Protein backbone atom coordinates (compact mmCIF):
# COMPACT_ATOMS: atom_id res chain seq x y z
CA MET A 1 -18.56 171.90 -170.40
CA LYS A 2 -16.13 172.42 -167.58
CA VAL A 3 -18.87 173.88 -165.43
CA SER A 4 -21.03 170.79 -165.97
CA ALA A 5 -18.14 168.51 -165.00
CA ILE A 6 -17.55 170.47 -161.81
CA ILE A 7 -21.24 170.33 -160.85
CA LEU A 8 -21.37 166.57 -161.51
CA ALA A 9 -18.29 166.00 -159.38
CA ALA A 10 -19.82 168.02 -156.49
CA VAL A 11 -23.07 166.04 -156.62
CA LEU A 12 -21.18 162.74 -156.53
CA SER A 13 -19.11 163.93 -153.56
CA LEU A 14 -22.21 164.97 -151.60
CA SER A 15 -23.87 161.62 -152.35
CA ALA A 16 -20.85 159.75 -151.05
CA ILE A 17 -20.77 161.85 -147.85
CA SER A 18 -24.54 161.33 -147.29
CA ALA A 19 -24.23 157.59 -147.79
CA LYS A 20 -21.34 157.41 -145.29
CA ALA A 21 -23.36 159.45 -142.73
CA GLN A 22 -26.33 157.12 -143.11
CA THR A 23 -24.03 154.14 -142.68
CA ASP A 24 -22.62 155.66 -139.47
CA THR A 25 -26.11 156.20 -138.04
CA LEU A 26 -27.28 152.63 -138.70
CA PRO A 27 -27.25 150.36 -135.67
CA LYS A 28 -24.25 148.11 -135.42
CA THR A 29 -24.95 144.56 -136.47
CA LYS A 30 -23.44 141.52 -134.74
CA ILE A 31 -24.33 138.03 -135.94
CA ASP A 32 -23.22 134.83 -134.20
CA THR A 33 -23.82 131.45 -135.86
CA THR A 34 -23.75 128.07 -134.14
CA ASN A 35 -24.11 124.73 -135.95
CA ILE A 36 -25.37 121.61 -134.14
CA ASN A 37 -25.62 118.13 -135.74
CA VAL A 38 -28.26 115.81 -134.25
CA GLY A 39 -28.25 112.54 -136.21
CA ASN A 40 -28.94 113.39 -139.82
CA THR A 41 -30.42 116.70 -138.86
CA LYS A 42 -28.34 119.85 -139.01
CA ILE A 43 -29.49 122.70 -136.77
CA THR A 44 -28.17 126.20 -137.33
CA ILE A 45 -28.69 128.82 -134.64
CA ILE A 46 -28.25 132.40 -135.81
CA GLU A 47 -28.19 135.08 -133.14
CA ASP A 48 -28.68 138.54 -134.60
CA LYS A 49 -27.93 141.46 -132.26
CA THR A 50 -28.83 144.69 -134.04
CA GLY A 51 -28.73 147.71 -131.79
CA ASP A 52 -30.93 147.01 -128.79
CA ASN A 53 -32.85 144.27 -130.59
CA LYS A 54 -32.08 140.59 -130.15
CA LYS A 55 -33.34 137.88 -132.51
CA VAL A 56 -32.54 134.18 -132.66
CA THR A 57 -33.23 132.14 -135.80
CA VAL A 58 -33.14 128.34 -135.62
CA LEU A 59 -32.80 126.57 -138.98
CA SER A 60 -33.64 122.88 -139.31
CA ASP A 61 -36.49 121.16 -141.16
CA THR A 62 -38.52 124.21 -140.27
CA THR A 63 -37.51 127.75 -139.44
CA ILE A 64 -38.38 129.20 -136.04
CA ILE A 65 -37.72 132.84 -135.24
CA VAL A 66 -37.69 133.83 -131.62
CA ASN A 67 -37.67 137.49 -130.61
CA LEU A 68 -36.09 137.56 -127.14
CA ASP A 69 -37.55 140.99 -126.39
CA SER A 70 -41.08 139.58 -126.67
CA LEU A 71 -40.55 136.76 -124.17
CA PRO A 72 -42.36 137.26 -120.86
CA ASP A 73 -40.25 138.08 -117.82
CA GLU A 74 -39.60 135.28 -115.41
CA PRO A 75 -42.20 135.35 -112.61
CA ARG A 76 -40.88 136.80 -109.41
CA GLU A 77 -41.37 134.89 -106.24
CA PRO A 78 -43.80 136.67 -103.93
CA SER A 79 -42.24 138.25 -100.87
CA LYS A 80 -42.38 135.93 -97.91
CA ARG A 81 -42.37 138.86 -95.52
CA LYS A 82 -45.85 139.38 -94.10
CA GLN A 83 -47.25 142.88 -93.93
CA LYS A 84 -48.24 143.69 -90.38
CA PRO A 85 -51.48 145.58 -89.79
CA SER A 86 -51.47 149.17 -88.62
CA GLY A 87 -51.25 149.81 -84.91
CA VAL A 88 -54.03 150.73 -82.51
CA TRP A 89 -51.96 151.27 -79.34
CA ALA A 90 -48.66 153.09 -79.96
CA GLY A 91 -49.16 156.85 -79.82
CA ILE A 92 -50.26 159.69 -77.57
CA GLU A 93 -53.48 159.68 -75.55
CA ILE A 94 -55.23 162.58 -73.85
CA GLY A 95 -58.20 161.86 -71.63
CA ILE A 96 -60.39 162.97 -68.74
CA ASN A 97 -60.37 161.07 -65.44
CA SER A 98 -63.43 160.35 -63.35
CA LEU A 99 -64.11 158.20 -60.27
CA LEU A 100 -67.02 155.82 -59.80
CA ASN A 101 -68.23 154.72 -56.36
CA ALA A 102 -68.82 151.14 -55.14
CA ASP A 103 -72.19 151.12 -56.96
CA ARG A 104 -70.44 152.16 -60.19
CA SER A 105 -72.10 155.57 -60.04
CA PHE A 106 -70.57 159.00 -60.56
CA SER A 107 -72.27 160.26 -57.40
CA LEU A 108 -69.65 160.75 -54.70
CA THR A 109 -71.38 161.50 -51.42
CA GLY A 110 -70.82 160.76 -47.74
CA ALA A 111 -67.33 159.33 -47.12
CA ASP A 112 -66.59 159.61 -50.86
CA ALA A 113 -67.43 163.34 -51.04
CA PRO A 114 -63.85 164.63 -50.48
CA TYR A 115 -62.80 162.78 -53.64
CA ALA A 116 -65.29 164.56 -55.91
CA LEU A 117 -63.35 165.80 -58.94
CA ASN A 118 -63.04 168.87 -61.08
CA TYR A 119 -63.44 166.92 -64.33
CA ALA A 120 -62.27 169.69 -66.61
CA LYS A 121 -58.83 169.60 -64.99
CA SER A 122 -58.54 165.90 -64.13
CA VAL A 123 -56.39 165.08 -67.15
CA SER A 124 -54.77 161.80 -68.15
CA ILE A 125 -51.77 161.64 -70.49
CA GLY A 126 -50.72 158.34 -72.05
CA ILE A 127 -47.46 157.82 -73.94
CA ASN A 128 -47.63 154.38 -75.53
CA LEU A 129 -44.09 153.74 -76.68
CA TYR A 130 -44.15 150.30 -78.31
CA GLU A 131 -46.63 147.97 -79.96
CA TYR A 132 -46.21 144.43 -81.30
CA ARG A 133 -48.95 143.08 -83.59
CA VAL A 134 -49.75 139.46 -84.43
CA PRO A 135 -52.17 138.92 -87.37
CA ILE A 136 -54.76 136.20 -86.73
CA ILE A 137 -56.91 136.51 -89.87
CA LYS A 138 -54.76 138.39 -92.37
CA ASN A 139 -54.77 142.09 -91.48
CA ASN A 140 -58.41 142.26 -90.48
CA PHE A 141 -58.29 140.52 -87.11
CA TYR A 142 -55.17 140.69 -85.00
CA MET A 143 -53.74 140.86 -81.49
CA SER A 144 -51.60 143.67 -80.06
CA THR A 145 -49.40 144.07 -77.02
CA GLY A 146 -46.64 146.45 -75.98
CA PHE A 147 -45.96 148.90 -73.18
CA GLY A 148 -46.51 152.54 -72.31
CA LEU A 149 -46.58 155.19 -69.59
CA GLU A 150 -49.66 156.83 -68.12
CA PHE A 151 -49.90 159.93 -65.94
CA ASN A 152 -53.20 160.62 -64.14
CA ASN A 153 -54.29 163.77 -62.37
CA PHE A 154 -57.28 163.62 -60.03
CA ARG A 155 -58.06 167.28 -59.33
CA PHE A 156 -60.17 167.59 -56.19
CA ASP A 157 -63.16 169.87 -56.50
CA ASN A 158 -62.68 170.87 -52.86
CA THR A 159 -59.18 172.35 -52.88
CA SER A 160 -58.80 172.28 -49.09
CA VAL A 161 -58.70 168.44 -48.90
CA ILE A 162 -55.53 167.09 -47.26
CA LEU A 163 -54.73 163.36 -47.42
CA ASP A 164 -52.79 161.95 -44.49
CA PRO A 165 -49.92 159.84 -45.89
CA ASN A 166 -49.30 158.13 -42.53
CA ALA A 167 -52.87 157.07 -41.80
CA SER A 168 -54.05 153.50 -42.29
CA PRO A 169 -56.79 153.47 -43.39
CA LEU A 170 -56.47 156.74 -45.28
CA THR A 171 -57.99 159.76 -43.58
CA VAL A 172 -58.95 163.19 -44.87
CA SER A 173 -58.68 166.59 -43.20
CA TYR A 174 -59.46 170.10 -44.44
CA ASP A 175 -57.04 173.02 -44.35
CA THR A 176 -59.03 176.25 -44.43
CA THR A 177 -56.12 178.44 -43.33
CA ARG A 178 -54.90 178.82 -46.92
CA ASN A 179 -56.60 179.54 -50.18
CA TYR A 180 -55.48 176.63 -52.35
CA THR A 181 -55.75 177.19 -56.09
CA LYS A 182 -54.83 173.62 -57.03
CA ASN A 183 -55.15 170.32 -55.22
CA LYS A 184 -54.61 166.99 -56.94
CA LEU A 185 -53.67 163.38 -56.40
CA ALA A 186 -51.33 162.22 -59.17
CA THR A 187 -50.48 158.65 -60.13
CA ALA A 188 -48.11 157.24 -62.75
CA TYR A 189 -48.20 153.74 -64.25
CA ILE A 190 -46.26 151.46 -66.55
CA ASN A 191 -48.87 149.71 -68.70
CA VAL A 192 -48.87 146.45 -70.68
CA PRO A 193 -51.98 145.96 -72.89
CA LEU A 194 -53.53 142.97 -74.63
CA LEU A 195 -55.87 144.07 -77.42
CA PHE A 196 -57.91 142.23 -80.04
CA THR A 197 -58.75 144.32 -83.08
CA VAL A 198 -61.18 144.04 -85.99
CA ALA A 199 -60.11 146.40 -88.77
CA ALA A 200 -61.01 147.34 -92.33
CA ASN A 201 -57.41 147.10 -93.51
CA ASN A 202 -56.12 146.87 -97.07
CA LYS A 203 -53.66 144.23 -98.28
CA LYS A 204 -50.67 146.24 -97.07
CA GLY A 205 -52.08 146.40 -93.56
CA LYS A 206 -52.96 150.10 -93.61
CA ASN A 207 -56.14 150.64 -91.68
CA ALA A 208 -59.17 152.74 -92.40
CA PHE A 209 -61.45 151.88 -89.48
CA HIS A 210 -60.76 149.73 -86.43
CA VAL A 211 -62.46 148.57 -83.23
CA SER A 212 -60.45 147.08 -80.37
CA VAL A 213 -61.29 145.53 -77.01
CA GLY A 214 -58.98 144.08 -74.41
CA ALA A 215 -57.38 144.45 -71.01
CA MET A 216 -54.37 146.19 -69.52
CA ALA A 217 -52.16 145.54 -66.52
CA GLY A 218 -50.60 148.58 -64.86
CA PHE A 219 -47.78 148.85 -62.34
CA LYS A 220 -47.87 152.03 -60.28
CA TYR A 221 -44.42 153.55 -59.80
CA ARG A 222 -45.26 156.97 -58.32
CA THR A 223 -48.02 158.71 -56.35
CA HIS A 224 -48.11 162.18 -54.85
CA GLN A 225 -50.43 164.96 -53.73
CA LYS A 226 -49.69 168.43 -55.04
CA LEU A 227 -51.04 171.66 -53.59
CA VAL A 228 -50.71 175.19 -54.93
CA TYR A 229 -51.30 178.36 -52.93
CA TYR A 230 -49.91 181.89 -52.48
CA GLU A 231 -48.22 183.18 -49.37
CA ASP A 232 -46.94 186.76 -49.07
CA GLY A 233 -47.16 187.06 -52.83
CA ASP A 234 -45.03 183.97 -53.44
CA LYS A 235 -46.40 180.91 -55.20
CA LYS A 236 -46.00 177.72 -53.15
CA LYS A 237 -46.23 174.25 -54.71
CA PRO A 238 -45.63 171.63 -52.02
CA LYS A 239 -45.71 167.95 -53.01
CA GLU A 240 -46.16 164.97 -50.73
CA PHE A 241 -44.77 161.77 -52.28
CA ASP A 242 -46.35 158.71 -50.74
CA GLY A 243 -48.43 155.70 -51.73
CA PHE A 244 -51.56 157.06 -49.96
CA ASN A 245 -52.74 153.44 -49.70
CA THR A 246 -53.32 153.24 -53.46
CA ASN A 247 -53.15 149.86 -55.13
CA PRO A 248 -49.69 149.05 -56.54
CA PHE A 249 -51.30 147.21 -59.46
CA ARG A 250 -54.23 148.12 -61.64
CA PHE A 251 -56.25 145.92 -64.01
CA THR A 252 -58.19 147.76 -66.67
CA ALA A 253 -60.79 146.87 -69.31
CA MET A 254 -60.26 148.79 -72.55
CA ALA A 255 -62.26 149.70 -75.65
CA ARG A 256 -60.92 151.68 -78.59
CA MET A 257 -62.29 152.83 -81.93
CA GLY A 258 -60.68 154.91 -84.64
CA TYR A 259 -60.20 155.90 -88.23
CA LYS A 260 -56.65 155.81 -89.59
CA ASN A 261 -54.42 157.59 -87.01
CA ILE A 262 -57.11 159.21 -84.86
CA GLY A 263 -59.33 157.44 -82.38
CA VAL A 264 -61.27 157.51 -79.14
CA TYR A 265 -60.82 155.23 -76.14
CA ALA A 266 -62.23 154.31 -72.73
CA ASN A 267 -60.33 152.65 -69.86
CA TYR A 268 -62.22 151.30 -66.85
CA ALA A 269 -60.29 150.04 -63.81
CA MET A 270 -61.54 146.67 -62.56
CA ASN A 271 -59.98 147.12 -59.12
CA SER A 272 -60.27 150.10 -56.76
CA LEU A 273 -57.84 153.00 -56.82
CA PHE A 274 -57.20 152.41 -53.11
CA GLN A 275 -56.36 149.14 -51.38
CA LYS A 276 -59.21 147.23 -49.77
CA ASP A 277 -60.17 148.60 -46.34
CA GLN A 278 -57.34 151.16 -46.62
CA GLY A 279 -59.27 153.86 -48.45
CA PRO A 280 -62.54 154.54 -50.25
CA GLU A 281 -63.78 152.11 -52.89
CA LEU A 282 -63.38 154.18 -56.04
CA TYR A 283 -62.92 152.99 -59.61
CA PRO A 284 -61.15 155.23 -62.18
CA LEU A 285 -62.74 155.69 -65.59
CA THR A 286 -60.80 157.50 -68.31
CA MET A 287 -62.16 158.57 -71.70
CA GLY A 288 -60.31 160.51 -74.37
CA VAL A 289 -58.75 160.71 -77.82
CA SER A 290 -55.68 158.99 -79.23
CA PHE A 291 -53.18 159.99 -81.91
CA LEU A 292 -51.43 156.92 -83.26
CA PHE A 293 -47.83 156.76 -84.47
């Protein structure tokens, strides 16, 4: 009999502990009640906050239960900031220079013969530092401008050609007393482009494929001729800094095509490399690849 009483007491104690534990684990309940009288109608608003759930009950002639968690979020205002299309100018360009004669031919003969180039080593490097884009039709047709630097090397195929910096018009002589391993005319420009682009861009302006045409104005800020030869085992690299009667300004027609950040381009100068009647009538043409920022 005593054993039975002890067992019964233990079971009751465990039941009480279990019930208390379950009570502790239940979500806390908070109920707020608000009464509103409108004429003869009494409206009771009961706000039940149980755990993370929120429920509002409105009591009047009818009962309406509103679950706040199920209400749709307020619509967000679309961003007013326009996504600009991807660039087609800013980046690094590497190209090959060539010279066309007055007939727009690659054949340099007669008075133009000294300016025949070693194309494999007549390299152009463009560093296009900044680009500003203006969408015209969303991100699929837009205008670009900016500025950049361009460094051109015109490597003469005949390495003994010497340009006279003091002659007007420019004259050419040949130095056969030394074995020149390099002979080039180098020019450097500050460029400002104006490009119109058609692109297969997505809504965020990221491009897949683009085609651009336009023009570029260039201001020449440096010109020099560089020679390389060996004398008594020592390497000599004299440079002659002078304008060599080259045009201080250059106006170029441009065409570009690319996919994402890689493209190809062609730049054709509309005016001669040298000033009129001060040197040969030669028009630079540069073609190469671009790697966009």
